[in-house]
Amino acid sequence: MTMTAAAIPTFPALLQRFFTQRLMQQKRVSAHTIKSYRDTFRLLLRFAQKRLRTSPDRLTFEKIDAPFIAAFLAEIEKTRGVGARTRNLRLTAIRSFFRFAAYEMPTHGAQIQRVLAMPAKRFDRRLIDFMTRPEVDALLNAPDRGTWKGRRDHALLLTTLQTGLRLSEVTGLKRQDITFGAGAHIEVLGKGRKQRAIPLCKPVTSVLAAWLDETDAAEDSIVFPSMRGGRLSADAVERLLNKHLAAASETCASLKRKHITFHCLRHTTAMDLLHAGVEQSVIALWLGHESIETTQIYLDADLALKEKILARTIPFDSKPGKYRPDDRLLSFLNQL
């Protein structure tokens, strides 16, 4: 049965269905992804209005071909000064839409395939920033644990460094996501709506338990709240991190030579696991990576990993020594 003209959706209708059906209902992507894709198509529609002199509601699918998209990508590089990474993110959003269109509009297969074949722009991948053990120790010692905010910040930083949680994951962490006792762990719903469990070592478990006892947190309450009891914003977390980094750099001069962001704490977790001899596939599961290839950047970042220098990790915020997980924790890790 051939698709009739009446059955072929208009471009505006197809784009709306891409967001509501494909992204929100079927793939259930994160709010961050929705925002990124939305911004891409806002820019694309403005470019079409300027170049084709066509309003978004009158734009046809045939006009959005490979040469048009190439011109759009070149335009945002030129006028907005975006780099190769941002350009490639825009292309990723457009490709996702065209893969959806391939099912909805098979009559336009040739046009769709030409768009899907458009290559991403190559760029030089810089080595990632991460923290050494002395730098981590200095950072964890920076918060004033004689104050409520200092105890919160110390617990937040320590938990992040051991678990490798993303910023959105740690600010959204709730009491019900933490399990204490044998096989203590944190459960998070991460990027791509993938759920994962991350084991907690004893020093982190002790700090978290004491913090939650102090806050008397309800099951559905935020673990690391703002002063008003709500969820910390990304800006607030970056500010507290920069504050403690400034203090830590006074006792650890090497921090002054590094640009440390909150995401670098996640890099530090990965590097610590790699130094401990943990397999890439396990680290990918630990961090919630989409692909094991993502973990390769940590291997590229540190030549010292070529040497077998550690038998086990030393838990952050604890005395140096050989860390030996108990049988229950080993059993828990084997089930992850």
C-alpha atoms as a PDB file:
ATOM      1  CA  MET A   1       0.000   0.000   0.000  1.00  0.00           C
ATOM      2  CA  THR A   2       1.504   3.339  -1.030  1.00  0.00           C
ATOM      3  CA  MET A   3       1.420   6.419   1.145  1.00  0.00           C
ATOM      4  CA  THR A   4      -1.043   8.985  -0.186  1.00  0.00           C
ATOM      5  CA  ALA A   5      -0.369  12.708  -0.236  1.00  0.00           C
ATOM      6  CA  ALA A   6      -2.929  13.165   2.518  1.00  0.00           C
ATOM      7  CA  ALA A   7      -1.049  10.709   4.737  1.00  0.00           C
ATOM      8  CA  ILE A   8       2.261  12.563   4.442  1.00  0.00           C
ATOM      9  CA  PRO A   9       2.627  14.883   7.433  1.00  0.00           C
ATOM     10  CA  THR A  10       3.623  18.516   7.016  1.00  0.00           C
ATOM     11  CA  PHE A  11       7.007  19.604   8.316  1.00  0.00           C
ATOM     12  CA  PRO A  12       5.537  21.482  11.335  1.00  0.00           C
ATOM     13  CA  ALA A  13       3.395  18.456  12.261  1.00  0.00           C
ATOM     14  CA  LEU A  14       6.336  16.075  11.841  1.00  0.00           C
ATOM     15  CA  LEU A  15       8.573  18.237  14.020  1.00  0.00           C
ATOM     16  CA  GLN A  16       5.952  18.421  16.762  1.00  0.00           C
ATOM     17  CA  ARG A  17       5.506  14.645  16.690  1.00  0.00           C
ATOM     18  CA  PHE A  18       9.279  14.199  16.860  1.00  0.00           C
ATOM     19  CA  PHE A  19       9.343  16.037  20.187  1.00  0.00           C
ATOM     20  CA  THR A  20       6.130  14.727  21.738  1.00  0.00           C
ATOM     21  CA  GLN A  21       6.103  11.138  20.478  1.00  0.00           C
ATOM     22  CA  ARG A  22       9.713  10.227  19.734  1.00  0.00           C
ATOM     23  CA  LEU A  23      11.671  12.139  22.358  1.00  0.00           C
ATOM     24  CA  MET A  24       9.213  12.489  25.236  1.00  0.00           C
ATOM     25  CA  GLN A  25       7.031   9.362  25.000  1.00  0.00           C
ATOM     26  CA  GLN A  26       9.152   6.724  23.267  1.00  0.00           C
ATOM     27  CA  LYS A  27      12.731   7.573  24.220  1.00  0.00           C
ATOM     28  CA  ARG A  28      11.851   9.511  27.400  1.00  0.00           C
ATOM     29  CA  VAL A  29      14.966  11.643  27.050  1.00  0.00           C
ATOM     30  CA  SER A  30      16.077  14.055  29.755  1.00  0.00           C
ATOM     31  CA  ALA A  31      14.903  17.650  30.050  1.00  0.00           C
ATOM     32  CA  HIS A  32      18.451  18.711  29.167  1.00  0.00           C
ATOM     33  CA  THR A  33      18.263  16.853  25.841  1.00  0.00           C
ATOM     34  CA  ILE A  34      14.843  18.336  25.071  1.00  0.00           C
ATOM     35  CA  LYS A  35      16.212  21.821  25.695  1.00  0.00           C
ATOM     36  CA  SER A  36      19.275  21.205  23.513  1.00  0.00           C
ATOM     37  CA  TYR A  37      17.203  19.834  20.618  1.00  0.00           C
ATOM     38  CA  ARG A  38      14.659  22.635  20.995  1.00  0.00           C
ATOM     39  CA  ASP A  39      17.396  25.258  20.729  1.00  0.00           C
ATOM     40  CA  THR A  40      18.777  23.555  17.612  1.00  0.00           C
ATOM     41  CA  PHE A  41      15.455  23.722  15.780  1.00  0.00           C
ATOM     42  CA  ARG A  42      14.793  27.277  16.920  1.00  0.00           C
ATOM     43  CA  LEU A  43      18.038  28.284  15.239  1.00  0.00           C
ATOM     44  CA  LEU A  44      17.228  26.188  12.177  1.00  0.00           C
ATOM     45  CA  LEU A  45      13.767  27.750  11.749  1.00  0.00           C
ATOM     46  CA  ARG A  46      15.171  31.261  12.120  1.00  0.00           C
ATOM     47  CA  PHE A  47      17.804  30.456   9.514  1.00  0.00           C
ATOM     48  CA  ALA A  48      15.115  29.100   7.164  1.00  0.00           C
ATOM     49  CA  GLN A  49      13.000  32.217   7.622  1.00  0.00           C
ATOM     50  CA  LYS A  50      15.957  34.406   6.730  1.00  0.00           C
ATOM     51  CA  ARG A  51      17.375  32.315   3.876  1.00  0.00           C
ATOM     52  CA  LEU A  52      14.178  30.948   2.292  1.00  0.00           C
ATOM     53  CA  ARG A  53      11.879  33.814   3.317  1.00  0.00           C
ATOM     54  CA  THR A  54       9.437  31.222   4.594  1.00  0.00           C
ATOM     55  CA  SER A  55       7.689  31.270   7.961  1.00  0.00           C
ATOM     56  CA  PRO A  56       8.035  28.105  10.096  1.00  0.00           C
ATOM     57  CA  ASP A  57       4.383  27.109   9.610  1.00  0.00           C
ATOM     58  CA  ARG A  58       4.803  27.189   5.799  1.00  0.00           C
ATOM     59  CA  LEU A  59       8.152  25.420   5.660  1.00  0.00           C
ATOM     60  CA  THR A  60       8.148  22.137   3.732  1.00  0.00           C
ATOM     61  CA  PHE A  61      10.246  19.057   4.481  1.00  0.00           C
ATOM     62  CA  GLU A  62      11.766  19.077   0.965  1.00  0.00           C
ATOM     63  CA  LYS A  63      13.484  22.400   1.683  1.00  0.00           C
ATOM     64  CA  ILE A  64      15.426  20.938   4.617  1.00  0.00           C
ATOM     65  CA  ASP A  65      17.945  19.010   2.548  1.00  0.00           C
ATOM     66  CA  ALA A  66      21.647  18.304   3.025  1.00  0.00           C
ATOM     67  CA  PRO A  67      22.939  21.486   1.309  1.00  0.00           C
ATOM     68  CA  PHE A  68      20.554  23.599   3.400  1.00  0.00           C
ATOM     69  CA  ILE A  69      21.696  21.948   6.632  1.00  0.00           C
ATOM     70  CA  ALA A  70      25.352  22.367   5.647  1.00  0.00           C
ATOM     71  CA  ALA A  71      24.696  26.072   5.072  1.00  0.00           C
ATOM     72  CA  PHE A  72      22.957  26.314   8.453  1.00  0.00           C
ATOM     73  CA  LEU A  73      25.887  24.701  10.273  1.00  0.00           C
ATOM     74  CA  ALA A  74      28.356  26.985   8.501  1.00  0.00           C
ATOM     75  CA  GLU A  75      26.223  29.994   9.419  1.00  0.00           C
ATOM     76  CA  ILE A  76      26.139  29.275  13.158  1.00  0.00           C
ATOM     77  CA  GLU A  77      29.894  28.702  13.139  1.00  0.00           C
ATOM     78  CA  LYS A  78      30.430  32.050  11.437  1.00  0.00           C
ATOM     79  CA  THR A  79      27.878  34.282  13.160  1.00  0.00           C
ATOM     80  CA  ARG A  80      27.643  32.703  16.588  1.00  0.00           C
ATOM     81  CA  GLY A  81      31.256  31.631  16.926  1.00  0.00           C
ATOM     82  CA  VAL A  82      30.419  28.082  17.980  1.00  0.00           C
ATOM     83  CA  GLY A  83      33.132  25.449  18.004  1.00  0.00           C
ATOM     84  CA  ALA A  84      33.197  22.015  16.426  1.00  0.00           C
ATOM     85  CA  ARG A  85      31.662  20.347  19.489  1.00  0.00           C
ATOM     86  CA  THR A  86      28.590  22.592  19.510  1.00  0.00           C
ATOM     87  CA  ARG A  87      28.253  22.304  15.743  1.00  0.00           C
ATOM     88  CA  ASN A  88      28.293  18.524  16.038  1.00  0.00           C
ATOM     89  CA  LEU A  89      25.652  18.637  18.792  1.00  0.00           C
ATOM     90  CA  ARG A  90      23.375  20.593  16.460  1.00  0.00           C
ATOM     91  CA  LEU A  91      23.965  18.040  13.710  1.00  0.00           C
ATOM     92  CA  THR A  92      23.203  15.201  16.144  1.00  0.00           C
ATOM     93  CA  ALA A  93      19.798  16.738  16.912  1.00  0.00           C
ATOM     94  CA  ILE A  94      19.019  17.129  13.199  1.00  0.00           C
ATOM     95  CA  ARG A  95      20.089  13.559  12.456  1.00  0.00           C
ATOM     96  CA  SER A  96      17.825  12.283  15.219  1.00  0.00           C
ATOM     97  CA  PHE A  97      14.895  14.085  13.628  1.00  0.00           C
ATOM     98  CA  PHE A  98      15.694  12.651  10.196  1.00  0.00           C
ATOM     99  CA  ARG A  99      15.941   9.112  11.578  1.00  0.00           C
ATOM    100  CA  PHE A 100      12.433   9.626  12.930  1.00  0.00           C
ATOM    101  CA  ALA A 101      11.363  11.049   9.558  1.00  0.00           C
ATOM    102  CA  ALA A 102      12.645   7.918   7.792  1.00  0.00           C
ATOM    103  CA  TYR A 103       9.769   5.944   9.372  1.00  0.00           C
ATOM    104  CA  GLU A 104       7.168   8.640   8.817  1.00  0.00           C
ATOM    105  CA  MET A 105       8.150   9.687   5.290  1.00  0.00           C
ATOM    106  CA  PRO A 106       9.643   6.755   3.369  1.00  0.00           C
ATOM    107  CA  THR A 107       8.914   8.585   0.103  1.00  0.00           C
ATOM    108  CA  HIS A 108      11.747  10.981   0.967  1.00  0.00           C
ATOM    109  CA  GLY A 109      14.299   8.259   1.592  1.00  0.00           C
ATOM    110  CA  ALA A 110      17.017   9.656  -0.685  1.00  0.00           C
ATOM    111  CA  GLN A 111      16.876  13.103   0.909  1.00  0.00           C
ATOM    112  CA  ILE A 112      16.935  11.599   4.392  1.00  0.00           C
ATOM    113  CA  GLN A 113      19.904   9.339   3.649  1.00  0.00           C
ATOM    114  CA  ARG A 114      21.952  12.253   2.326  1.00  0.00           C
ATOM    115  CA  VAL A 115      21.355  14.154   5.564  1.00  0.00           C
ATOM    116  CA  LEU A 116      22.180  11.124   7.725  1.00  0.00           C
ATOM    117  CA  ALA A 117      25.430  10.684   5.772  1.00  0.00           C
ATOM    118  CA  MET A 118      26.654  14.187   6.656  1.00  0.00           C
ATOM    119  CA  PRO A 119      29.898  13.808   8.653  1.00  0.00           C
ATOM    120  CA  ALA A 120      30.601  15.382  11.991  1.00  0.00           C
ATOM    121  CA  LYS A 121      33.407  17.917  12.084  1.00  0.00           C
ATOM    122  CA  ARG A 122      36.690  16.618  13.420  1.00  0.00           C
ATOM    123  CA  PHE A 123      38.409  18.439  16.264  1.00  0.00           C
ATOM    124  CA  ASP A 124      41.393  18.039  18.529  1.00  0.00           C
ATOM    125  CA  ARG A 125      40.378  16.369  21.769  1.00  0.00           C
ATOM    126  CA  ARG A 126      42.173  18.013  24.689  1.00  0.00           C
ATOM    127  CA  LEU A 127      43.264  15.948  27.639  1.00  0.00           C
ATOM    128  CA  ILE A 128      40.826  16.038  30.523  1.00  0.00           C
ATOM    129  CA  ASP A 129      41.498  17.708  33.856  1.00  0.00           C
ATOM    130  CA  PHE A 130      41.390  15.598  36.991  1.00  0.00           C
ATOM    131  CA  MET A 131      42.679  15.853  40.549  1.00  0.00           C
ATOM    132  CA  THR A 132      45.509  13.960  42.202  1.00  0.00           C
ATOM    133  CA  ARG A 133      45.131  12.429  45.650  1.00  0.00           C
ATOM    134  CA  PRO A 134      46.893  15.343  47.459  1.00  0.00           C
ATOM    135  CA  GLU A 135      44.624  17.786  45.602  1.00  0.00           C
ATOM    136  CA  VAL A 136      41.542  15.796  46.596  1.00  0.00           C
ATOM    137  CA  ASP A 137      42.675  15.759  50.230  1.00  0.00           C
ATOM    138  CA  ALA A 138      43.169  19.526  50.173  1.00  0.00           C
ATOM    139  CA  LEU A 139      39.710  20.080  48.677  1.00  0.00           C
ATOM    140  CA  LEU A 140      37.987  17.818  51.203  1.00  0.00           C
ATOM    141  CA  ASN A 141      39.743  19.596  54.069  1.00  0.00           C
ATOM    142  CA  ALA A 142      38.687  23.035  52.826  1.00  0.00           C
ATOM    143  CA  PRO A 143      35.030  23.169  54.050  1.00  0.00           C
ATOM    144  CA  ASP A 144      34.601  24.362  57.643  1.00  0.00           C
ATOM    145  CA  ARG A 145      32.926  21.373  59.240  1.00  0.00           C
ATOM    146  CA  GLY A 146      32.090  23.469  62.270  1.00  0.00           C
ATOM    147  CA  THR A 147      29.226  24.975  60.255  1.00  0.00           C
ATOM    148  CA  TRP A 148      26.094  23.473  58.677  1.00  0.00           C
ATOM    149  CA  LYS A 149      27.119  24.579  55.182  1.00  0.00           C
ATOM    150  CA  GLY A 150      30.628  23.247  55.667  1.00  0.00           C
ATOM    151  CA  ARG A 151      29.366  19.809  56.693  1.00  0.00           C
ATOM    152  CA  ARG A 152      26.959  19.784  53.746  1.00  0.00           C
ATOM    153  CA  ASP A 153      29.668  20.806  51.283  1.00  0.00           C
ATOM    154  CA  HIS A 154      32.123  18.239  52.635  1.00  0.00           C
ATOM    155  CA  ALA A 155      29.537  15.454  52.382  1.00  0.00           C
ATOM    156  CA  LEU A 156      28.547  16.549  48.870  1.00  0.00           C
ATOM    157  CA  LEU A 157      32.136  16.697  47.591  1.00  0.00           C
ATOM    158  CA  LEU A 158      33.133  13.423  49.247  1.00  0.00           C
ATOM    159  CA  THR A 159      30.084  11.589  47.864  1.00  0.00           C
ATOM    160  CA  THR A 160      30.707  12.943  44.369  1.00  0.00           C
ATOM    161  CA  LEU A 161      34.382  12.005  44.378  1.00  0.00           C
ATOM    162  CA  GLN A 162      33.659   8.423  45.409  1.00  0.00           C
ATOM    163  CA  THR A 163      30.610   7.811  43.227  1.00  0.00           C
ATOM    164  CA  GLY A 164      31.341   9.939  40.153  1.00  0.00           C
ATOM    165  CA  LEU A 165      27.790  11.321  40.104  1.00  0.00           C
ATOM    166  CA  ARG A 166      26.921  13.979  37.542  1.00  0.00           C
ATOM    167  CA  LEU A 167      26.009  17.424  38.865  1.00  0.00           C
ATOM    168  CA  SER A 168      22.300  16.915  38.168  1.00  0.00           C
ATOM    169  CA  GLU A 169      22.432  13.502  39.845  1.00  0.00           C
ATOM    170  CA  VAL A 170      24.021  14.745  43.069  1.00  0.00           C
ATOM    171  CA  THR A 171      21.769  17.816  43.390  1.00  0.00           C
ATOM    172  CA  GLY A 172      18.698  15.652  42.783  1.00  0.00           C
ATOM    173  CA  LEU A 173      19.763  12.885  45.170  1.00  0.00           C
ATOM    174  CA  LYS A 174      17.069  11.978  47.722  1.00  0.00           C
ATOM    175  CA  ARG A 175      17.204  10.127  51.024  1.00  0.00           C
ATOM    176  CA  GLN A 176      15.308   7.189  49.534  1.00  0.00           C
ATOM    177  CA  ASP A 177      18.082   6.752  46.937  1.00  0.00           C
ATOM    178  CA  ILE A 178      20.636   5.770  49.614  1.00  0.00           C
ATOM    179  CA  THR A 179      20.826   2.308  51.163  1.00  0.00           C
ATOM    180  CA  PHE A 180      22.940   1.815  54.291  1.00  0.00           C
ATOM    181  CA  GLY A 181      24.095  -1.363  55.979  1.00  0.00           C
ATOM    182  CA  ALA A 182      25.498  -4.371  54.133  1.00  0.00           C
ATOM    183  CA  GLY A 183      26.106  -3.525  50.482  1.00  0.00           C
ATOM    184  CA  ALA A 184      25.601   0.218  51.077  1.00  0.00           C
ATOM    185  CA  HIS A 185      24.951   1.974  47.778  1.00  0.00           C
ATOM    186  CA  ILE A 186      23.294   4.844  45.932  1.00  0.00           C
ATOM    187  CA  GLU A 187      20.734   4.369  43.165  1.00  0.00           C
ATOM    188  CA  VAL A 188      20.377   7.043  40.493  1.00  0.00           C
ATOM    189  CA  LEU A 189      18.396   7.519  37.312  1.00  0.00           C
ATOM    190  CA  GLY A 190      21.033   9.039  35.068  1.00  0.00           C
ATOM    191  CA  LYS A 191      21.542  10.257  31.536  1.00  0.00           C
ATOM    192  CA  GLY A 192      19.331   8.499  28.995  1.00  0.00           C
ATOM    193  CA  ARG A 193      17.070   7.445  31.905  1.00  0.00           C
ATOM    194  CA  LYS A 194      19.463   4.603  32.731  1.00  0.00           C
ATOM    195  CA  GLN A 195      19.242   3.423  36.330  1.00  0.00           C
ATOM    196  CA  ARG A 196      22.431   2.336  38.071  1.00  0.00           C
ATOM    197  CA  ALA A 197      23.604   1.431  41.561  1.00  0.00           C
ATOM    198  CA  ILE A 198      26.936   2.674  42.910  1.00  0.00           C
ATOM    199  CA  PRO A 199      28.507   1.081  46.008  1.00  0.00           C
ATOM    200  CA  LEU A 200      29.617   3.252  48.915  1.00  0.00           C
ATOM    201  CA  CYS A 201      32.802   2.690  50.904  1.00  0.00           C
ATOM    202  CA  LYS A 202      32.751   2.946  54.693  1.00  0.00           C
ATOM    203  CA  PRO A 203      34.146   6.509  55.085  1.00  0.00           C
ATOM    204  CA  VAL A 204      31.520   7.908  52.713  1.00  0.00           C
ATOM    205  CA  THR A 205      28.757   5.853  54.337  1.00  0.00           C
ATOM    206  CA  SER A 206      29.697   7.205  57.768  1.00  0.00           C
ATOM    207  CA  VAL A 207      29.735  10.824  56.594  1.00  0.00           C
ATOM    208  CA  LEU A 208      26.410  10.463  54.776  1.00  0.00           C
ATOM    209  CA  ALA A 209      24.749   8.735  57.746  1.00  0.00           C
ATOM    210  CA  ALA A 210      25.893  11.482  60.123  1.00  0.00           C
ATOM    211  CA  TRP A 211      24.749  14.179  57.721  1.00  0.00           C
ATOM    212  CA  LEU A 212      21.301  12.667  57.271  1.00  0.00           C
ATOM    213  CA  ASP A 213      20.947  12.209  61.040  1.00  0.00           C
ATOM    214  CA  GLU A 214      21.692  15.913  61.455  1.00  0.00           C
ATOM    215  CA  THR A 215      19.208  17.050  58.822  1.00  0.00           C
ATOM    216  CA  ASP A 216      16.564  14.534  59.927  1.00  0.00           C
ATOM    217  CA  ALA A 217      15.732  14.124  56.250  1.00  0.00           C
ATOM    218  CA  ALA A 218      12.438  12.598  55.127  1.00  0.00           C
ATOM    219  CA  GLU A 219      12.523   9.800  52.547  1.00  0.00           C
ATOM    220  CA  ASP A 220      11.653  12.098  49.640  1.00  0.00           C
ATOM    221  CA  SER A 221      13.787  15.064  50.741  1.00  0.00           C
ATOM    222  CA  ILE A 222      16.925  16.340  49.002  1.00  0.00           C
ATOM    223  CA  VAL A 223      20.133  14.998  50.554  1.00  0.00           C
ATOM    224  CA  PHE A 224      22.181  18.165  49.903  1.00  0.00           C
ATOM    225  CA  PRO A 225      19.658  21.035  50.119  1.00  0.00           C
ATOM    226  CA  SER A 226      20.131  24.775  49.865  1.00  0.00           C
ATOM    227  CA  MET A 227      19.823  26.951  52.962  1.00  0.00           C
ATOM    228  CA  ARG A 228      16.106  27.240  52.188  1.00  0.00           C
ATOM    229  CA  GLY A 229      15.678  23.496  51.933  1.00  0.00           C
ATOM    230  CA  GLY A 230      15.289  23.291  48.163  1.00  0.00           C
ATOM    231  CA  ARG A 231      17.445  21.802  45.452  1.00  0.00           C
ATOM    232  CA  LEU A 232      20.824  23.438  44.832  1.00  0.00           C
ATOM    233  CA  SER A 233      21.172  25.090  41.424  1.00  0.00           C
ATOM    234  CA  ALA A 234      24.079  24.299  39.119  1.00  0.00           C
ATOM    235  CA  ASP A 235      25.443  27.818  39.677  1.00  0.00           C
ATOM    236  CA  ALA A 236      25.272  27.387  43.454  1.00  0.00           C
ATOM    237  CA  VAL A 237      27.280  24.156  43.275  1.00  0.00           C
ATOM    238  CA  GLU A 238      29.905  25.738  41.028  1.00  0.00           C
ATOM    239  CA  ARG A 239      30.192  28.655  43.453  1.00  0.00           C
ATOM    240  CA  LEU A 240      30.694  26.412  46.480  1.00  0.00           C
ATOM    241  CA  LEU A 241      33.242  24.341  44.577  1.00  0.00           C
ATOM    242  CA  ASN A 242      35.209  27.432  43.503  1.00  0.00           C
ATOM    243  CA  LYS A 243      35.126  28.740  47.066  1.00  0.00           C
ATOM    244  CA  HIS A 244      36.646  25.562  48.468  1.00  0.00           C
ATOM    245  CA  LEU A 245      39.113  25.238  45.586  1.00  0.00           C
ATOM    246  CA  ALA A 246      40.423  28.724  46.372  1.00  0.00           C
ATOM    247  CA  ALA A 247      40.980  27.703  49.993  1.00  0.00           C
ATOM    248  CA  ALA A 248      42.489  24.344  49.008  1.00  0.00           C
ATOM    249  CA  SER A 249      44.945  25.979  46.583  1.00  0.00           C
ATOM    250  CA  GLU A 250      46.558  27.779  49.516  1.00  0.00           C
ATOM    251  CA  THR A 251      47.761  24.453  50.887  1.00  0.00           C
ATOM    252  CA  CYS A 252      48.093  22.619  47.544  1.00  0.00           C
ATOM    253  CA  ALA A 253      49.752  24.888  44.976  1.00  0.00           C
ATOM    254  CA  SER A 254      49.194  22.525  42.031  1.00  0.00           C
ATOM    255  CA  LEU A 255      45.476  23.369  42.104  1.00  0.00           C
ATOM    256  CA  LYS A 256      46.305  26.898  40.966  1.00  0.00           C
ATOM    257  CA  ARG A 257      47.538  25.519  37.653  1.00  0.00           C
ATOM    258  CA  LYS A 258      44.352  23.576  36.904  1.00  0.00           C
ATOM    259  CA  HIS A 259      40.897  24.553  35.731  1.00  0.00           C
ATOM    260  CA  ILE A 260      38.708  22.362  37.926  1.00  0.00           C
ATOM    261  CA  THR A 261      34.964  22.239  37.286  1.00  0.00           C
ATOM    262  CA  PHE A 262      32.418  20.063  39.028  1.00  0.00           C
ATOM    263  CA  HIS A 263      32.590  17.596  36.132  1.00  0.00           C
ATOM    264  CA  CYS A 264      36.314  17.198  36.861  1.00  0.00           C
ATOM    265  CA  LEU A 265      35.343  15.469  40.118  1.00  0.00           C
ATOM    266  CA  ARG A 266      33.696  12.801  37.971  1.00  0.00           C
ATOM    267  CA  HIS A 267      36.892  12.536  35.928  1.00  0.00           C
ATOM    268  CA  THR A 268      38.808  12.125  39.183  1.00  0.00           C
ATOM    269  CA  THR A 269      36.592   9.204  40.193  1.00  0.00           C
ATOM    270  CA  ALA A 270      37.256   7.486  36.878  1.00  0.00           C
ATOM    271  CA  MET A 271      40.999   8.047  37.111  1.00  0.00           C
ATOM    272  CA  ASP A 272      41.064   6.644  40.639  1.00  0.00           C
ATOM    273  CA  LEU A 273      39.267   3.515  39.448  1.00  0.00           C
ATOM    274  CA  LEU A 274      41.654   3.134  36.513  1.00  0.00           C
ATOM    275  CA  HIS A 275      44.675   3.499  38.783  1.00  0.00           C
ATOM    276  CA  ALA A 276      43.199   0.700  40.873  1.00  0.00           C
ATOM    277  CA  GLY A 277      43.199  -1.585  37.846  1.00  0.00           C
ATOM    278  CA  VAL A 278      39.426  -1.598  37.343  1.00  0.00           C
ATOM    279  CA  GLU A 279      38.373  -2.674  33.839  1.00  0.00           C
ATOM    280  CA  GLN A 280      37.009  -0.053  31.422  1.00  0.00           C
ATOM    281  CA  SER A 281      33.722  -1.915  31.070  1.00  0.00           C
ATOM    282  CA  VAL A 282      33.150  -1.757  34.840  1.00  0.00           C
ATOM    283  CA  ILE A 283      33.981   1.957  34.947  1.00  0.00           C
ATOM    284  CA  ALA A 284      31.539   2.564  32.096  1.00  0.00           C
ATOM    285  CA  LEU A 285      28.806   0.889  34.172  1.00  0.00           C
ATOM    286  CA  TRP A 286      29.891   2.760  37.312  1.00  0.00           C
ATOM    287  CA  LEU A 287      29.677   6.162  35.618  1.00  0.00           C
ATOM    288  CA  GLY A 288      26.657   5.371  33.449  1.00  0.00           C
ATOM    289  CA  HIS A 289      28.452   5.848  30.135  1.00  0.00           C
ATOM    290  CA  GLU A 290      26.471   5.148  26.973  1.00  0.00           C
ATOM    291  CA  SER A 291      29.481   3.419  25.420  1.00  0.00           C
ATOM    292  CA  ILE A 292      32.703   1.920  26.744  1.00  0.00           C
ATOM    293  CA  GLU A 293      34.512   4.100  24.185  1.00  0.00           C
ATOM    294  CA  THR A 294      33.705   7.136  26.330  1.00  0.00           C
ATOM    295  CA  THR A 295      35.909   5.711  29.059  1.00  0.00           C
ATOM    296  CA  GLN A 296      38.902   5.706  26.698  1.00  0.00           C
ATOM    297  CA  ILE A 297      39.511   9.425  27.396  1.00  0.00           C
ATOM    298  CA  TYR A 298      40.706   8.526  30.889  1.00  0.00           C
ATOM    299  CA  LEU A 299      43.276   6.102  29.522  1.00  0.00           C
ATOM    300  CA  ASP A 300      44.557   8.816  27.187  1.00  0.00           C
ATOM    301  CA  ALA A 301      44.812  11.352  30.013  1.00  0.00           C
ATOM    302  CA  ASP A 302      47.443   9.748  32.240  1.00  0.00           C
ATOM    303  CA  LEU A 303      50.562   7.938  31.069  1.00  0.00           C
ATOM    304  CA  ALA A 304      51.137   6.677  34.614  1.00  0.00           C
ATOM    305  CA  LEU A 305      48.314   4.214  34.071  1.00  0.00           C
ATOM    306  CA  LYS A 306      50.725   2.090  32.067  1.00  0.00           C
ATOM    307  CA  GLU A 307      52.232   1.062  35.375  1.00  0.00           C
ATOM    308  CA  LYS A 308      50.435  -1.173  37.843  1.00  0.00           C
ATOM    309  CA  ILE A 309      50.814   1.122  40.841  1.00  0.00           C
ATOM    310  CA  LEU A 310      47.837   0.236  42.990  1.00  0.00           C
ATOM    311  CA  ALA A 311      46.245  -3.046  43.960  1.00  0.00           C
ATOM    312  CA  ARG A 312      43.089  -1.446  45.379  1.00  0.00           C
ATOM    313  CA  THR A 313      41.695   2.043  45.722  1.00  0.00           C
ATOM    314  CA  ILE A 314      42.193   3.942  48.945  1.00  0.00           C
ATOM    315  CA  PRO A 315      38.804   5.383  49.922  1.00  0.00           C
ATOM    316  CA  PHE A 316      38.743   9.169  49.863  1.00  0.00           C
ATOM    317  CA  ASP A 317      38.924  10.929  53.235  1.00  0.00           C
ATOM    318  CA  SER A 318      40.549   7.952  54.961  1.00  0.00           C
ATOM    319  CA  LYS A 319      43.986   6.928  56.155  1.00  0.00           C
ATOM    320  CA  PRO A 320      46.289   5.429  53.479  1.00  0.00           C
ATOM    321  CA  GLY A 321      46.367   1.682  53.447  1.00  0.00           C
ATOM    322  CA  LYS A 322      45.280  -1.333  51.476  1.00  0.00           C
ATOM    323  CA  TYR A 323      41.529  -1.275  50.951  1.00  0.00           C
ATOM    324  CA  ARG A 324      39.949  -4.708  51.154  1.00  0.00           C
ATOM    325  CA  PRO A 325      36.202  -4.820  50.548  1.00  0.00           C
ATOM    326  CA  ASP A 326      34.355  -7.380  52.653  1.00  0.00           C
ATOM    327  CA  ASP A 327      32.697 -10.422  51.126  1.00  0.00           C
ATOM    328  CA  ARG A 328      29.270  -8.774  51.126  1.00  0.00           C
ATOM    329  CA  LEU A 329      30.521  -5.786  49.170  1.00  0.00           C
ATOM    330  CA  LEU A 330      32.286  -8.050  46.679  1.00  0.00           C
ATOM    331  CA  SER A 331      29.049  -9.973  46.250  1.00  0.00           C
ATOM    332  CA  PHE A 332      27.181  -6.719  45.706  1.00  0.00           C
ATOM    333  CA  LEU A 333      29.686  -5.543  43.076  1.00  0.00           C
ATOM    334  CA  ASN A 334      29.439  -8.860  41.227  1.00  0.00           C
ATOM    335  CA  GLN A 335      25.680  -8.342  40.897  1.00  0.00           C
ATOM    336  CA  LEU A 336      25.926  -4.859  39.398  1.00  0.00           C
END
